[in-house]
């Protein structure tokens, strides 16, 4: 999934984020991995609105359930808000 997040096709990147969301639904702790953080961060600043929306949805869904993730993603979320 992480490799596909860098694909040229917007639809593929969007679907990859949604797939990642399904994986995280089973194991939210996966978001604590550094490679996941980099992958999500890259999609938060993606050129495509749909990819950015999928990334924000992913974080919004799971950061609230696992407060320790909020600390790890805080800078990314603030950057996205601004």
N, C-alpha and C. Protein backbone atom coordinates (compact mmCIF):
# COMPACT_ATOMS: atom_id res chain seq x y z
N UNK A 1 0.84 -1.19 0.00
CA UNK A 1 0.00 0.00 0.00
C UNK A 1 0.87 1.24 0.00
N UNK A 2 1.93 1.23 0.77
CA UNK A 2 2.80 2.41 0.84
C UNK A 2 3.43 2.73 -0.51
N UNK A 3 3.81 1.70 -1.25
CA UNK A 3 4.39 1.93 -2.58
C UNK A 3 3.38 2.56 -3.52
N UNK A 4 2.15 2.13 -3.44
CA UNK A 4 1.10 2.62 -4.33
C UNK A 4 0.71 4.06 -3.98
N UNK A 5 0.95 4.48 -2.76
CA UNK A 5 0.63 5.85 -2.37
C UNK A 5 1.38 6.88 -3.21
N UNK A 6 2.47 6.48 -3.81
CA UNK A 6 3.25 7.38 -4.65
C UNK A 6 2.95 7.26 -6.12
N UNK A 7 1.92 6.51 -6.48
CA UNK A 7 1.57 6.30 -7.89
C UNK A 7 1.18 7.61 -8.56
N UNK A 8 1.32 7.67 -9.87
CA UNK A 8 0.97 8.88 -10.61
C UNK A 8 -0.53 9.09 -10.73
N UNK A 9 -1.30 8.02 -10.74
CA UNK A 9 -2.75 8.12 -10.93
C UNK A 9 -3.44 8.52 -9.63
N UNK A 10 -4.22 9.57 -9.70
CA UNK A 10 -4.94 10.08 -8.53
C UNK A 10 -5.87 9.02 -7.96
N UNK A 11 -6.60 8.34 -8.83
CA UNK A 11 -7.55 7.32 -8.36
C UNK A 11 -6.84 6.21 -7.59
N UNK A 12 -5.66 5.85 -8.02
CA UNK A 12 -4.90 4.79 -7.35
C UNK A 12 -4.45 5.26 -5.97
N UNK A 13 -3.97 6.49 -5.88
CA UNK A 13 -3.54 7.03 -4.58
C UNK A 13 -4.73 7.14 -3.63
N UNK A 14 -5.87 7.57 -4.14
CA UNK A 14 -7.07 7.69 -3.31
C UNK A 14 -7.50 6.33 -2.80
N UNK A 15 -7.53 5.34 -3.67
CA UNK A 15 -7.92 3.99 -3.26
C UNK A 15 -6.91 3.40 -2.28
N UNK A 16 -5.64 3.71 -2.47
CA UNK A 16 -4.62 3.23 -1.54
C UNK A 16 -4.85 3.80 -0.14
N UNK A 17 -5.22 5.07 -0.06
CA UNK A 17 -5.51 5.67 1.25
C UNK A 17 -6.72 5.00 1.88
N UNK A 18 -7.72 4.70 1.08
CA UNK A 18 -8.91 4.03 1.61
C UNK A 18 -8.59 2.61 2.05
N UNK A 19 -7.73 1.93 1.32
CA UNK A 19 -7.28 0.59 1.72
C UNK A 19 -6.50 0.67 3.02
N UNK A 20 -5.64 1.65 3.12
CA UNK A 20 -4.87 1.84 4.35
C UNK A 20 -5.80 2.08 5.52
N UNK A 21 -6.86 2.82 5.29
CA UNK A 21 -7.85 3.07 6.33
C UNK A 21 -8.48 1.77 6.82
N UNK A 22 -8.73 0.85 5.91
CA UNK A 22 -9.30 -0.45 6.29
C UNK A 22 -8.29 -1.27 7.09
N UNK A 23 -7.04 -1.20 6.73
CA UNK A 23 -5.99 -1.90 7.48
C UNK A 23 -5.89 -1.32 8.89
N UNK A 24 -5.93 -0.01 8.97
CA UNK A 24 -5.83 0.66 10.26
C UNK A 24 -7.04 0.36 11.13
N UNK A 25 -8.19 0.12 10.51
CA UNK A 25 -9.38 -0.24 11.28
C UNK A 25 -9.16 -1.54 12.05
N UNK A 26 -8.38 -2.43 11.48
CA UNK A 26 -8.08 -3.70 12.14
C UNK A 26 -6.99 -3.52 13.19
N UNK A 27 -5.99 -2.68 12.88
CA UNK A 27 -4.87 -2.48 13.80
C UNK A 27 -4.42 -1.01 13.77
N UNK A 28 -5.05 -0.16 14.59
CA UNK A 28 -4.71 1.26 14.59
C UNK A 28 -3.25 1.56 14.97
N UNK A 29 -2.62 0.64 15.67
CA UNK A 29 -1.24 0.89 16.09
C UNK A 29 -0.28 0.98 14.91
N UNK A 30 -0.72 0.52 13.74
CA UNK A 30 0.12 0.58 12.54
C UNK A 30 0.45 2.02 12.17
N UNK A 31 -0.42 2.94 12.57
CA UNK A 31 -0.17 4.37 12.28
C UNK A 31 1.03 4.91 13.06
N UNK A 32 1.46 4.20 14.07
CA UNK A 32 2.62 4.65 14.85
C UNK A 32 3.94 4.39 14.13
N UNK A 33 3.91 3.54 13.11
CA UNK A 33 5.14 3.24 12.36
C UNK A 33 5.61 4.47 11.59
N UNK A 34 6.91 4.67 11.55
CA UNK A 34 7.50 5.82 10.87
C UNK A 34 7.20 5.83 9.38
N UNK A 35 7.25 4.66 8.73
CA UNK A 35 6.95 4.62 7.30
C UNK A 35 5.50 4.99 7.02
N UNK A 36 4.60 4.63 7.92
CA UNK A 36 3.19 5.01 7.77
C UNK A 36 3.04 6.52 7.94
N UNK A 37 3.73 7.07 8.91
CA UNK A 37 3.66 8.52 9.14
C UNK A 37 4.12 9.28 7.91
N UNK A 38 5.23 8.83 7.33
CA UNK A 38 5.72 9.49 6.11
C UNK A 38 4.73 9.35 4.96
N UNK A 39 4.14 8.15 4.81
CA UNK A 39 3.17 7.93 3.75
C UNK A 39 1.94 8.79 3.90
N UNK A 40 1.42 8.88 5.10
CA UNK A 40 0.23 9.71 5.36
C UNK A 40 0.58 11.18 5.17
N UNK A 41 1.74 11.59 5.66
CA UNK A 41 2.13 12.99 5.50
C UNK A 41 2.21 13.37 4.03
N UNK A 42 2.79 12.50 3.23
CA UNK A 42 2.88 12.78 1.80
C UNK A 42 1.53 12.94 1.14
N UNK A 43 0.54 12.21 1.62
CA UNK A 43 -0.81 12.32 1.05
C UNK A 43 -1.56 13.51 1.63
N UNK A 44 -1.19 13.98 2.80
CA UNK A 44 -1.82 15.19 3.35
C UNK A 44 -1.45 16.42 2.53
N UNK A 45 -0.32 16.36 1.84
CA UNK A 45 0.10 17.50 1.02
C UNK A 45 0.03 17.16 -0.47
N UNK A 46 -0.74 16.15 -0.80
CA UNK A 46 -0.92 15.71 -2.19
C UNK A 46 -1.58 16.80 -3.02
N UNK A 47 -1.31 16.81 -4.31
CA UNK A 47 -1.93 17.78 -5.22
C UNK A 47 -3.43 17.55 -5.38
N UNK A 48 -3.87 16.33 -5.20
CA UNK A 48 -5.27 15.98 -5.41
C UNK A 48 -6.11 16.17 -4.15
N UNK A 49 -7.22 16.84 -4.31
CA UNK A 49 -8.15 17.05 -3.20
C UNK A 49 -8.67 15.73 -2.66
N UNK A 50 -9.01 14.80 -3.53
CA UNK A 50 -9.57 13.53 -3.07
C UNK A 50 -8.57 12.72 -2.25
N UNK A 51 -7.31 12.80 -2.62
CA UNK A 51 -6.27 12.08 -1.86
C UNK A 51 -6.09 12.74 -0.50
N UNK A 52 -6.05 14.06 -0.47
CA UNK A 52 -5.93 14.78 0.81
C UNK A 52 -7.12 14.49 1.71
N UNK A 53 -8.32 14.47 1.13
CA UNK A 53 -9.52 14.17 1.91
C UNK A 53 -9.45 12.77 2.51
N UNK A 54 -8.99 11.81 1.74
CA UNK A 54 -8.87 10.44 2.25
C UNK A 54 -7.86 10.36 3.39
N UNK A 55 -6.78 11.12 3.29
CA UNK A 55 -5.77 11.14 4.36
C UNK A 55 -6.32 11.78 5.63
N UNK A 56 -7.03 12.89 5.47
CA UNK A 56 -7.62 13.56 6.63
C UNK A 56 -8.68 12.67 7.27
N UNK A 57 -9.48 12.01 6.45
CA UNK A 57 -10.50 11.09 6.97
C UNK A 57 -9.85 9.97 7.77
N UNK A 58 -8.78 9.41 7.23
CA UNK A 58 -8.06 8.36 7.93
C UNK A 58 -7.60 8.83 9.31
N UNK A 59 -6.96 9.96 9.36
CA UNK A 59 -6.46 10.46 10.64
C UNK A 59 -7.60 10.84 11.58
N UNK A 60 -8.61 11.49 11.04
CA UNK A 60 -9.74 11.89 11.87
C UNK A 60 -10.44 10.70 12.51
N UNK A 61 -10.49 9.62 11.78
CA UNK A 61 -11.16 8.42 12.27
C UNK A 61 -10.39 7.75 13.41
N UNK A 62 -9.08 7.76 13.34
CA UNK A 62 -8.31 6.95 14.28
C UNK A 62 -7.53 7.73 15.33
N UNK A 63 -7.21 8.96 15.04
CA UNK A 63 -6.45 9.73 16.04
C UNK A 63 -7.31 10.00 17.26
N UNK A 64 -8.61 10.20 17.06
CA UNK A 64 -9.49 10.43 18.20
C UNK A 64 -9.63 9.18 19.08
N UNK A 65 -9.56 8.02 18.47
CA UNK A 65 -9.67 6.76 19.23
C UNK A 65 -8.38 6.43 19.97
N UNK A 66 -7.28 6.88 19.44
CA UNK A 66 -5.97 6.59 20.04
C UNK A 66 -5.22 7.91 20.24
N UNK A 67 -5.44 8.54 21.39
CA UNK A 67 -4.84 9.86 21.65
C UNK A 67 -3.33 9.93 21.48
N UNK A 68 -2.62 8.83 21.72
CA UNK A 68 -1.17 8.86 21.55
C UNK A 68 -0.79 9.12 20.11
N UNK A 69 -1.66 8.78 19.16
CA UNK A 69 -1.40 9.06 17.75
C UNK A 69 -1.52 10.55 17.46
N UNK A 70 -2.36 11.24 18.20
CA UNK A 70 -2.53 12.68 17.99
C UNK A 70 -1.19 13.40 18.18
N UNK A 71 -0.43 12.97 19.16
CA UNK A 71 0.87 13.58 19.40
C UNK A 71 1.82 13.35 18.23
N UNK A 72 1.79 12.15 17.67
CA UNK A 72 2.68 11.82 16.56
C UNK A 72 2.29 12.55 15.27
N UNK A 73 1.01 12.81 15.09
CA UNK A 73 0.52 13.43 13.86
C UNK A 73 0.19 14.90 14.03
N UNK A 74 0.45 15.44 15.21
CA UNK A 74 0.09 16.82 15.52
C UNK A 74 0.64 17.82 14.50
N UNK A 75 1.94 17.75 14.25
CA UNK A 75 2.56 18.71 13.32
C UNK A 75 1.95 18.61 11.93
N UNK A 76 1.68 17.40 11.48
CA UNK A 76 1.07 17.21 10.15
C UNK A 76 -0.34 17.79 10.10
N UNK A 77 -1.09 17.57 11.17
CA UNK A 77 -2.46 18.07 11.22
C UNK A 77 -2.50 19.59 11.26
N UNK A 78 -1.62 20.18 12.04
CA UNK A 78 -1.55 21.64 12.12
C UNK A 78 -1.16 22.22 10.78
N UNK A 79 -0.18 21.61 10.13
CA UNK A 79 0.24 22.06 8.79
C UNK A 79 -0.94 22.01 7.81
N UNK A 80 -1.72 20.95 7.88
CA UNK A 80 -2.87 20.79 6.98
C UNK A 80 -3.94 21.83 7.30
N UNK A 81 -4.17 22.11 8.58
CA UNK A 81 -5.19 23.08 8.98
C UNK A 81 -4.81 24.48 8.49
N UNK A 82 -3.54 24.81 8.64
CA UNK A 82 -3.10 26.14 8.22
C UNK A 82 -3.10 26.25 6.71
